[in-house]
Amino acid sequence: SDFQSGLCLRVSGSAGEEFQRSKTYSWLRNNLGKYGFVFRYPEGKEDYTGCTGDPTVIRYVGSENASAMQQRSMCLEEYISYLGNQ
């Protein structure tokens, strides 16, 4: 589990769509990458992650990786596969 790795956490607050309309979510969406974090289970990536999209779960991947993932609109599984093919 990502939570057991110590690299993943759940942001508390409202669940689902309510959270996505919050100021907290807006700030996270605009700033996570600056601090090396990404949304762990982004919506629309369920086929890759095997989990339902959940905007309250974030994971540390480092600033360089977070930036690259955001530029390519990739979730962690896609990015790992991408790196493996380089």
PDB file of N, CA and C in Angstrom:
ATOM      1  N   SER A   1       0.839  -1.186   0.000  1.00  0.00           N
ATOM      2  CA  SER A   1       0.000   0.000   0.000  1.00  0.00           C
ATOM      3  C   SER A   1       0.884   1.250   0.000  1.00  0.00           C
ATOM      4  N   ASP A   2       0.493   2.228  -0.784  1.00  0.00           N
ATOM      5  CA  ASP A   2       1.224   3.491  -0.787  1.00  0.00           C
ATOM      6  C   ASP A   2       1.229   4.143   0.593  1.00  0.00           C
ATOM      7  N   PHE A   3       0.173   3.954   1.345  1.00  0.00           N
ATOM      8  CA  PHE A   3       0.100   4.562   2.667  1.00  0.00           C
ATOM      9  C   PHE A   3       1.155   3.972   3.599  1.00  0.00           C
ATOM     10  N   GLN A   4       1.469   2.707   3.445  1.00  0.00           N
ATOM     11  CA  GLN A   4       2.471   2.067   4.289  1.00  0.00           C
ATOM     12  C   GLN A   4       3.882   2.495   3.926  1.00  0.00           C
ATOM     13  N   SER A   5       4.065   3.029   2.714  1.00  0.00           N
ATOM     14  CA  SER A   5       5.397   3.467   2.282  1.00  0.00           C
ATOM     15  C   SER A   5       5.836   4.747   2.975  1.00  0.00           C
ATOM     16  N   GLY A   6       4.872   5.488   3.537  1.00  0.00           N
ATOM     17  CA  GLY A   6       5.179   6.773   4.145  1.00  0.00           C
ATOM     18  C   GLY A   6       5.266   7.896   3.128  1.00  0.00           C
ATOM     19  N   LEU A   7       5.016   7.600   1.851  1.00  0.00           N
ATOM     20  CA  LEU A   7       5.083   8.597   0.794  1.00  0.00           C
ATOM     21  C   LEU A   7       3.719   9.111   0.373  1.00  0.00           C
ATOM     22  N   CYS A   8       2.672   8.553   0.946  1.00  0.00           N
ATOM     23  CA  CYS A   8       1.316   8.854   0.520  1.00  0.00           C
ATOM     24  C   CYS A   8       0.476   9.269   1.729  1.00  0.00           C
ATOM     25  N   LEU A   9      -0.445  10.203   1.495  1.00  0.00           N
ATOM     26  CA  LEU A   9      -1.329  10.626   2.579  1.00  0.00           C
ATOM     27  C   LEU A   9      -2.675  11.054   2.021  1.00  0.00           C
ATOM     28  N   ARG A  10      -3.654  11.055   2.903  1.00  0.00           N
ATOM     29  CA  ARG A  10      -4.996  11.499   2.539  1.00  0.00           C
ATOM     30  C   ARG A  10      -5.226  12.857   3.182  1.00  0.00           C
ATOM     31  N   VAL A  11      -5.618  13.810   2.361  1.00  0.00           N
ATOM     32  CA  VAL A  11      -5.944  15.146   2.838  1.00  0.00           C
ATOM     33  C   VAL A  11      -7.349  15.087   3.409  1.00  0.00           C
ATOM     34  N   SER A  12      -7.508  15.530   4.635  1.00  0.00           N
ATOM     35  CA  SER A  12      -8.843  15.487   5.223  1.00  0.00           C
ATOM     36  C   SER A  12      -9.671  16.659   4.715  1.00  0.00           C
ATOM     37  N   GLY A  13     -10.944  16.468   4.776  1.00  0.00           N
ATOM     38  CA  GLY A  13     -11.874  17.474   4.283  1.00  0.00           C
ATOM     39  C   GLY A  13     -13.064  16.780   3.679  1.00  0.00           C
ATOM     40  N   SER A  14     -13.819  17.501   2.919  1.00  0.00           N
ATOM     41  CA  SER A  14     -14.999  16.934   2.261  1.00  0.00           C
ATOM     42  C   SER A  14     -14.575  15.900   1.229  1.00  0.00           C
ATOM     43  N   ALA A  15     -15.431  14.933   1.009  1.00  0.00           N
ATOM     44  CA  ALA A  15     -15.129  13.873   0.049  1.00  0.00           C
ATOM     45  C   ALA A  15     -15.638  14.242  -1.338  1.00  0.00           C
ATOM     46  N   GLY A  16     -15.025  13.621  -2.357  1.00  0.00           N
ATOM     47  CA  GLY A  16     -15.515  13.674  -3.712  1.00  0.00           C
ATOM     48  C   GLY A  16     -15.666  15.058  -4.303  1.00  0.00           C
ATOM     49  N   GLU A  17     -16.801  15.280  -4.954  1.00  0.00           N
ATOM     50  CA  GLU A  17     -17.030  16.526  -5.676  1.00  0.00           C
ATOM     51  C   GLU A  17     -16.988  17.748  -4.765  1.00  0.00           C
ATOM     52  N   GLU A  18     -17.449  17.615  -3.544  1.00  0.00           N
ATOM     53  CA  GLU A  18     -17.388  18.742  -2.616  1.00  0.00           C
ATOM     54  C   GLU A  18     -15.951  19.203  -2.422  1.00  0.00           C
ATOM     55  N   PHE A  19     -15.040  18.269  -2.245  1.00  0.00           N
ATOM     56  CA  PHE A  19     -13.636  18.599  -2.054  1.00  0.00           C
ATOM     57  C   PHE A  19     -13.075  19.264  -3.306  1.00  0.00           C
ATOM     58  N   GLN A  20     -13.464  18.792  -4.480  1.00  0.00           N
ATOM     59  CA  GLN A  20     -12.943  19.344  -5.717  1.00  0.00           C
ATOM     60  C   GLN A  20     -13.410  20.783  -5.972  1.00  0.00           C
ATOM     61  N   ARG A  21     -14.390  21.239  -5.257  1.00  0.00           N
ATOM     62  CA  ARG A  21     -14.845  22.628  -5.366  1.00  0.00           C
ATOM     63  C   ARG A  21     -14.258  23.501  -4.250  1.00  0.00           C
ATOM     64  N   SER A  22     -13.441  22.928  -3.408  1.00  0.00           N
ATOM     65  CA  SER A  22     -12.918  23.658  -2.256  1.00  0.00           C
ATOM     66  C   SER A  22     -11.660  24.468  -2.606  1.00  0.00           C
ATOM     67  N   LYS A  23     -11.378  25.452  -1.759  1.00  0.00           N
ATOM     68  CA  LYS A  23     -10.158  26.243  -1.913  1.00  0.00           C
ATOM     69  C   LYS A  23      -8.922  25.375  -1.697  1.00  0.00           C
ATOM     70  N   THR A  24      -9.044  24.412  -0.803  1.00  0.00           N
ATOM     71  CA  THR A  24      -7.918  23.506  -0.528  1.00  0.00           C
ATOM     72  C   THR A  24      -7.539  22.733  -1.783  1.00  0.00           C
ATOM     73  N   TYR A  25      -8.536  22.154  -2.443  1.00  0.00           N
ATOM     74  CA  TYR A  25      -8.269  21.386  -3.666  1.00  0.00           C
ATOM     75  C   TYR A  25      -7.657  22.290  -4.731  1.00  0.00           C
ATOM     76  N   SER A  26      -8.201  23.483  -4.885  1.00  0.00           N
ATOM     77  CA  SER A  26      -7.685  24.422  -5.883  1.00  0.00           C
ATOM     78  C   SER A  26      -6.216  24.731  -5.608  1.00  0.00           C
ATOM     79  N   TRP A  27      -5.884  24.980  -4.335  1.00  0.00           N
ATOM     80  CA  TRP A  27      -4.494  25.252  -3.985  1.00  0.00           C
ATOM     81  C   TRP A  27      -3.614  24.044  -4.273  1.00  0.00           C
ATOM     82  N   LEU A  28      -4.084  22.867  -3.883  1.00  0.00           N
ATOM     83  CA  LEU A  28      -3.306  21.656  -4.120  1.00  0.00           C
ATOM     84  C   LEU A  28      -3.057  21.461  -5.618  1.00  0.00           C
ATOM     85  N   ARG A  29      -4.095  21.587  -6.418  1.00  0.00           N
ATOM     86  CA  ARG A  29      -3.980  21.388  -7.860  1.00  0.00           C
ATOM     87  C   ARG A  29      -2.928  22.329  -8.453  1.00  0.00           C
ATOM     88  N   ASN A  30      -2.866  23.554  -7.942  1.00  0.00           N
ATOM     89  CA  ASN A  30      -1.943  24.547  -8.482  1.00  0.00           C
ATOM     90  C   ASN A  30      -0.541  24.492  -7.889  1.00  0.00           C
ATOM     91  N   ASN A  31      -0.370  23.819  -6.757  1.00  0.00           N
ATOM     92  CA  ASN A  31       0.917  23.891  -6.054  1.00  0.00           C
ATOM     93  C   ASN A  31       1.580  22.567  -5.711  1.00  0.00           C
ATOM     94  N   LEU A  32       0.881  21.454  -5.817  1.00  0.00           N
ATOM     95  CA  LEU A  32       1.462  20.166  -5.414  1.00  0.00           C
ATOM     96  C   LEU A  32       2.833  19.919  -6.039  1.00  0.00           C
ATOM     97  N   GLY A  33       2.921  20.115  -7.338  1.00  0.00           N
ATOM     98  CA  GLY A  33       4.158  19.813  -8.054  1.00  0.00           C
ATOM     99  C   GLY A  33       5.352  20.594  -7.561  1.00  0.00           C
ATOM    100  N   LYS A  34       5.137  21.818  -7.110  1.00  0.00           N
ATOM    101  CA  LYS A  34       6.233  22.649  -6.604  1.00  0.00           C
ATOM    102  C   LYS A  34       6.917  22.002  -5.417  1.00  0.00           C
ATOM    103  N   TYR A  35       6.170  21.194  -4.693  1.00  0.00           N
ATOM    104  CA  TYR A  35       6.685  20.551  -3.481  1.00  0.00           C
ATOM    105  C   TYR A  35       6.938  19.058  -3.672  1.00  0.00           C
ATOM    106  N   GLY A  36       6.815  18.587  -4.922  1.00  0.00           N
ATOM    107  CA  GLY A  36       7.139  17.198  -5.225  1.00  0.00           C
ATOM    108  C   GLY A  36       6.007  16.211  -5.030  1.00  0.00           C
ATOM    109  N   PHE A  37       4.783  16.705  -4.947  1.00  0.00           N
ATOM    110  CA  PHE A  37       3.621  15.826  -4.749  1.00  0.00           C
ATOM    111  C   PHE A  37       2.755  15.768  -6.000  1.00  0.00           C
ATOM    112  N   VAL A  38       2.009  14.675  -6.126  1.00  0.00           N
ATOM    113  CA  VAL A  38       1.021  14.499  -7.192  1.00  0.00           C
ATOM    114  C   VAL A  38      -0.241  13.875  -6.595  1.00  0.00           C
ATOM    115  N   PHE A  39      -1.343  14.022  -7.295  1.00  0.00           N
ATOM    116  CA  PHE A  39      -2.543  13.295  -6.898  1.00  0.00           C
ATOM    117  C   PHE A  39      -2.292  11.828  -7.222  1.00  0.00           C
ATOM    118  N   ARG A  40      -2.419  10.965  -6.245  1.00  0.00           N
ATOM    119  CA  ARG A  40      -2.101   9.548  -6.423  1.00  0.00           C
ATOM    120  C   ARG A  40      -3.116   8.824  -7.299  1.00  0.00           C
ATOM    121  N   TYR A  41      -4.393   9.119  -7.141  1.00  0.00           N
ATOM    122  CA  TYR A  41      -5.431   8.432  -7.912  1.00  0.00           C
ATOM    123  C   TYR A  41      -6.267   9.452  -8.677  1.00  0.00           C
ATOM    124  N   PRO A  42      -5.682  10.042  -9.747  1.00  0.00           N
ATOM    125  CA  PRO A  42      -6.426  11.055 -10.493  1.00  0.00           C
ATOM    126  C   PRO A  42      -7.623  10.456 -11.230  1.00  0.00           C
ATOM    127  N   GLU A  43      -8.663  11.248 -11.363  1.00  0.00           N
ATOM    128  CA  GLU A  43      -9.839  10.788 -12.086  1.00  0.00           C
ATOM    129  C   GLU A  43      -9.471  10.573 -13.552  1.00  0.00           C
ATOM    130  N   GLY A  44     -10.078   9.555 -14.143  1.00  0.00           N
ATOM    131  CA  GLY A  44      -9.801   9.232 -15.536  1.00  0.00           C
ATOM    132  C   GLY A  44      -8.609   8.317 -15.718  1.00  0.00           C
ATOM    133  N   LYS A  45      -7.957   7.943 -14.656  1.00  0.00           N
ATOM    134  CA  LYS A  45      -6.769   7.074 -14.733  1.00  0.00           C
ATOM    135  C   LYS A  45      -7.019   5.731 -14.053  1.00  0.00           C
ATOM    136  N   GLU A  46      -8.282   5.394 -13.857  1.00  0.00           N
ATOM    137  CA  GLU A  46      -8.639   4.165 -13.150  1.00  0.00           C
ATOM    138  C   GLU A  46      -8.087   2.906 -13.831  1.00  0.00           C
ATOM    139  N   ASP A  47      -8.016   2.929 -15.167  1.00  0.00           N
ATOM    140  CA  ASP A  47      -7.485   1.765 -15.886  1.00  0.00           C
ATOM    141  C   ASP A  47      -6.015   1.532 -15.574  1.00  0.00           C
ATOM    142  N   TYR A  48      -5.295   2.579 -15.242  1.00  0.00           N
ATOM    143  CA  TYR A  48      -3.874   2.462 -14.914  1.00  0.00           C
ATOM    144  C   TYR A  48      -3.646   2.158 -13.437  1.00  0.00           C
ATOM    145  N   THR A  49      -4.375   2.875 -12.571  1.00  0.00           N
ATOM    146  CA  THR A  49      -4.130   2.745 -11.132  1.00  0.00           C
ATOM    147  C   THR A  49      -4.857   1.558 -10.511  1.00  0.00           C
ATOM    148  N   GLY A  50      -5.951   1.130 -11.150  1.00  0.00           N
ATOM    149  CA  GLY A  50      -6.765   0.055 -10.587  1.00  0.00           C
ATOM    150  C   GLY A  50      -7.622   0.522  -9.421  1.00  0.00           C
ATOM    151  N   CYS A  51      -7.672   1.835  -9.206  1.00  0.00           N
ATOM    152  CA  CYS A  51      -8.452   2.412  -8.103  1.00  0.00           C
ATOM    153  C   CYS A  51      -9.350   3.521  -8.636  1.00  0.00           C
ATOM    154  N   THR A  52     -10.459   3.700  -7.959  1.00  0.00           N
ATOM    155  CA  THR A  52     -11.358   4.804  -8.292  1.00  0.00           C
ATOM    156  C   THR A  52     -10.649   6.120  -8.047  1.00  0.00           C
ATOM    157  N   GLY A  53     -10.876   7.096  -8.911  1.00  0.00           N
ATOM    158  CA  GLY A  53     -10.272   8.404  -8.727  1.00  0.00           C
ATOM    159  C   GLY A  53     -10.589   8.967  -7.355  1.00  0.00           C
ATOM    160  N   ASP A  54      -9.581   9.515  -6.697  1.00  0.00           N
ATOM    161  CA  ASP A  54      -9.761  10.053  -5.350  1.00  0.00           C
ATOM    162  C   ASP A  54      -8.871  11.285  -5.190  1.00  0.00           C
ATOM    163  N   PRO A  55      -9.460  12.483  -5.249  1.00  0.00           N
ATOM    164  CA  PRO A  55      -8.661  13.706  -5.170  1.00  0.00           C
ATOM    165  C   PRO A  55      -8.096  14.009  -3.786  1.00  0.00           C
ATOM    166  N   THR A  56      -8.416  13.190  -2.800  1.00  0.00           N
ATOM    167  CA  THR A  56      -7.916  13.456  -1.453  1.00  0.00           C
ATOM    168  C   THR A  56      -6.612  12.724  -1.138  1.00  0.00           C
ATOM    169  N   VAL A  57      -6.140  11.888  -2.072  1.00  0.00           N
ATOM    170  CA  VAL A  57      -4.913  11.125  -1.835  1.00  0.00           C
ATOM    171  C   VAL A  57      -3.775  11.737  -2.642  1.00  0.00           C
ATOM    172  N   ILE A  58      -2.708  12.145  -1.942  1.00  0.00           N
ATOM    173  CA  ILE A  58      -1.538  12.692  -2.616  1.00  0.00           C
ATOM    174  C   ILE A  58      -0.312  11.861  -2.260  1.00  0.00           C
ATOM    175  N   ARG A  59       0.688  11.907  -3.163  1.00  0.00           N
ATOM    176  CA  ARG A  59       1.890  11.100  -2.964  1.00  0.00           C
ATOM    177  C   ARG A  59       3.118  11.919  -3.308  1.00  0.00           C
ATOM    178  N   TYR A  60       4.154  11.733  -2.535  1.00  0.00           N
ATOM    179  CA  TYR A  60       5.432  12.400  -2.804  1.00  0.00           C
ATOM    180  C   TYR A  60       6.202  11.601  -3.849  1.00  0.00           C
ATOM    181  N   VAL A  61       6.642  12.285  -4.906  1.00  0.00           N
ATOM    182  CA  VAL A  61       7.458  11.648  -5.946  1.00  0.00           C
ATOM    183  C   VAL A  61       8.714  12.458  -6.248  1.00  0.00           C
ATOM    184  N   GLY A  62       8.870  13.598  -5.598  1.00  0.00           N
ATOM    185  CA  GLY A  62       9.991  14.495  -5.866  1.00  0.00           C
ATOM    186  C   GLY A  62       9.591  15.540  -6.899  1.00  0.00           C
ATOM    187  N   SER A  63      10.182  16.701  -6.823  1.00  0.00           N
ATOM    188  CA  SER A  63       9.804  17.824  -7.690  1.00  0.00           C
ATOM    189  C   SER A  63      10.014  17.545  -9.169  1.00  0.00           C
ATOM    190  N   GLU A  64      11.130  16.951  -9.512  1.00  0.00           N
ATOM    191  CA  GLU A  64      11.425  16.658 -10.931  1.00  0.00           C
ATOM    192  C   GLU A  64      10.397  15.687 -11.505  1.00  0.00           C
ATOM    193  N   ASN A  65      10.108  14.627 -10.779  1.00  0.00           N
ATOM    194  CA  ASN A  65       9.131  13.643 -11.258  1.00  0.00           C
ATOM    195  C   ASN A  65       7.725  14.240 -11.290  1.00  0.00           C
ATOM    196  N   ALA A  66       7.366  15.006 -10.261  1.00  0.00           N
ATOM    197  CA  ALA A  66       6.038  15.622 -10.223  1.00  0.00           C
ATOM    198  C   ALA A  66       5.849  16.545 -11.418  1.00  0.00           C
ATOM    199  N   SER A  67       6.866  17.324 -11.731  1.00  0.00           N
ATOM    200  CA  SER A  67       6.792  18.233 -12.873  1.00  0.00           C
ATOM    201  C   SER A  67       6.631  17.458 -14.183  1.00  0.00           C
ATOM    202  N   ALA A  68       7.424  16.420 -14.353  1.00  0.00           N
ATOM    203  CA  ALA A  68       7.346  15.607 -15.573  1.00  0.00           C
ATOM    204  C   ALA A  68       5.991  14.924 -15.702  1.00  0.00           C
ATOM    205  N   MET A  69       5.465  14.423 -14.592  1.00  0.00           N
ATOM    206  CA  MET A  69       4.153  13.759 -14.620  1.00  0.00           C
ATOM    207  C   MET A  69       3.056  14.756 -14.976  1.00  0.00           C
ATOM    208  N   GLN A  70       3.128  15.953 -14.418  1.00  0.00           N
ATOM    209  CA  GLN A  70       2.122  16.970 -14.708  1.00  0.00           C
ATOM    210  C   GLN A  70       2.192  17.420 -16.166  1.00  0.00           C
ATOM    211  N   GLN A  71       3.392  17.622 -16.679  1.00  0.00           N
ATOM    212  CA  GLN A  71       3.548  18.042 -18.075  1.00  0.00           C
ATOM    213  C   GLN A  71       2.984  17.015 -19.036  1.00  0.00           C
ATOM    214  N   ARG A  72       3.083  15.744 -18.676  1.00  0.00           N
ATOM    215  CA  ARG A  72       2.621  14.666 -19.550  1.00  0.00           C
ATOM    216  C   ARG A  72       1.220  14.163 -19.181  1.00  0.00           C
ATOM    217  N   SER A  73       0.620  14.759 -18.158  1.00  0.00           N
ATOM    218  CA  SER A  73      -0.703  14.328 -17.659  1.00  0.00           C
ATOM    219  C   SER A  73      -0.723  12.829 -17.362  1.00  0.00           C
ATOM    220  N   MET A  74       0.298  12.370 -16.660  1.00  0.00           N
ATOM    221  CA  MET A  74       0.435  10.950 -16.344  1.00  0.00           C
ATOM    222  C   MET A  74       0.200  10.691 -14.866  1.00  0.00           C
ATOM    223  N   CYS A  75      -0.375   9.533 -14.583  1.00  0.00           N
ATOM    224  CA  CYS A  75      -0.436   9.055 -13.207  1.00  0.00           C
ATOM    225  C   CYS A  75       0.873   8.306 -12.930  1.00  0.00           C
ATOM    226  N   LEU A  76       1.064   7.874 -11.707  1.00  0.00           N
ATOM    227  CA  LEU A  76       2.320   7.231 -11.328  1.00  0.00           C
ATOM    228  C   LEU A  76       2.605   5.980 -12.154  1.00  0.00           C
ATOM    229  N   GLU A  77       1.606   5.147 -12.373  1.00  0.00           N
ATOM    230  CA  GLU A  77       1.820   3.908 -13.132  1.00  0.00           C
ATOM    231  C   GLU A  77       2.230   4.206 -14.573  1.00  0.00           C
ATOM    232  N   GLU A  78       1.594   5.188 -15.192  1.00  0.00           N
ATOM    233  CA  GLU A  78       1.963   5.576 -16.560  1.00  0.00           C
ATOM    234  C   GLU A  78       3.400   6.100 -16.597  1.00  0.00           C
ATOM    235  N   TYR A  79       3.736   6.905 -15.620  1.00  0.00           N
ATOM    236  CA  TYR A  79       5.063   7.505 -15.586  1.00  0.00           C
ATOM    237  C   TYR A  79       6.155   6.459 -15.376  1.00  0.00           C
ATOM    238  N   ILE A  80       5.909   5.510 -14.508  1.00  0.00           N
ATOM    239  CA  ILE A  80       6.887   4.435 -14.290  1.00  0.00           C
ATOM    240  C   ILE A  80       7.086   3.647 -15.584  1.00  0.00           C
ATOM    241  N   SER A  81       5.999   3.353 -16.277  1.00  0.00           N
ATOM    242  CA  SER A  81       6.087   2.641 -17.563  1.00  0.00           C
ATOM    243  C   SER A  81       6.843   3.480 -18.585  1.00  0.00           C
ATOM    244  N   TYR A  82       6.552   4.761 -18.620  1.00  0.00           N
ATOM    245  CA  TYR A  82       7.241   5.688 -19.526  1.00  0.00           C
ATOM    246  C   TYR A  82       8.747   5.683 -19.263  1.00  0.00           C
ATOM    247  N   LEU A  83       9.139   5.769 -17.998  1.00  0.00           N
ATOM    248  CA  LEU A  83      10.562   5.757 -17.655  1.00  0.00           C
ATOM    249  C   LEU A  83      11.225   4.443 -18.043  1.00  0.00           C
ATOM    250  N   GLY A  84      10.486   3.348 -17.886  1.00  0.00           N
ATOM    251  CA  GLY A  84      11.024   2.038 -18.248  1.00  0.00           C
ATOM    252  C   GLY A  84      11.268   1.868 -19.731  1.00  0.00           C
ATOM    253  N   ASN A  85      10.590   2.664 -20.528  1.00  0.00           N
ATOM    254  CA  ASN A  85      10.736   2.586 -21.988  1.00  0.00           C
ATOM    255  C   ASN A  85      11.738   3.589 -22.536  1.00  0.00           C
ATOM    256  N   GLN A  86      12.348   4.390 -21.667  1.00  0.00           N
ATOM    257  CA  GLN A  86      13.323   5.388 -22.113  1.00  0.00           C
ATOM    258  C   GLN A  86      14.689   4.783 -22.300  1.00  0.00           C
TER     259      GLN A  86
END
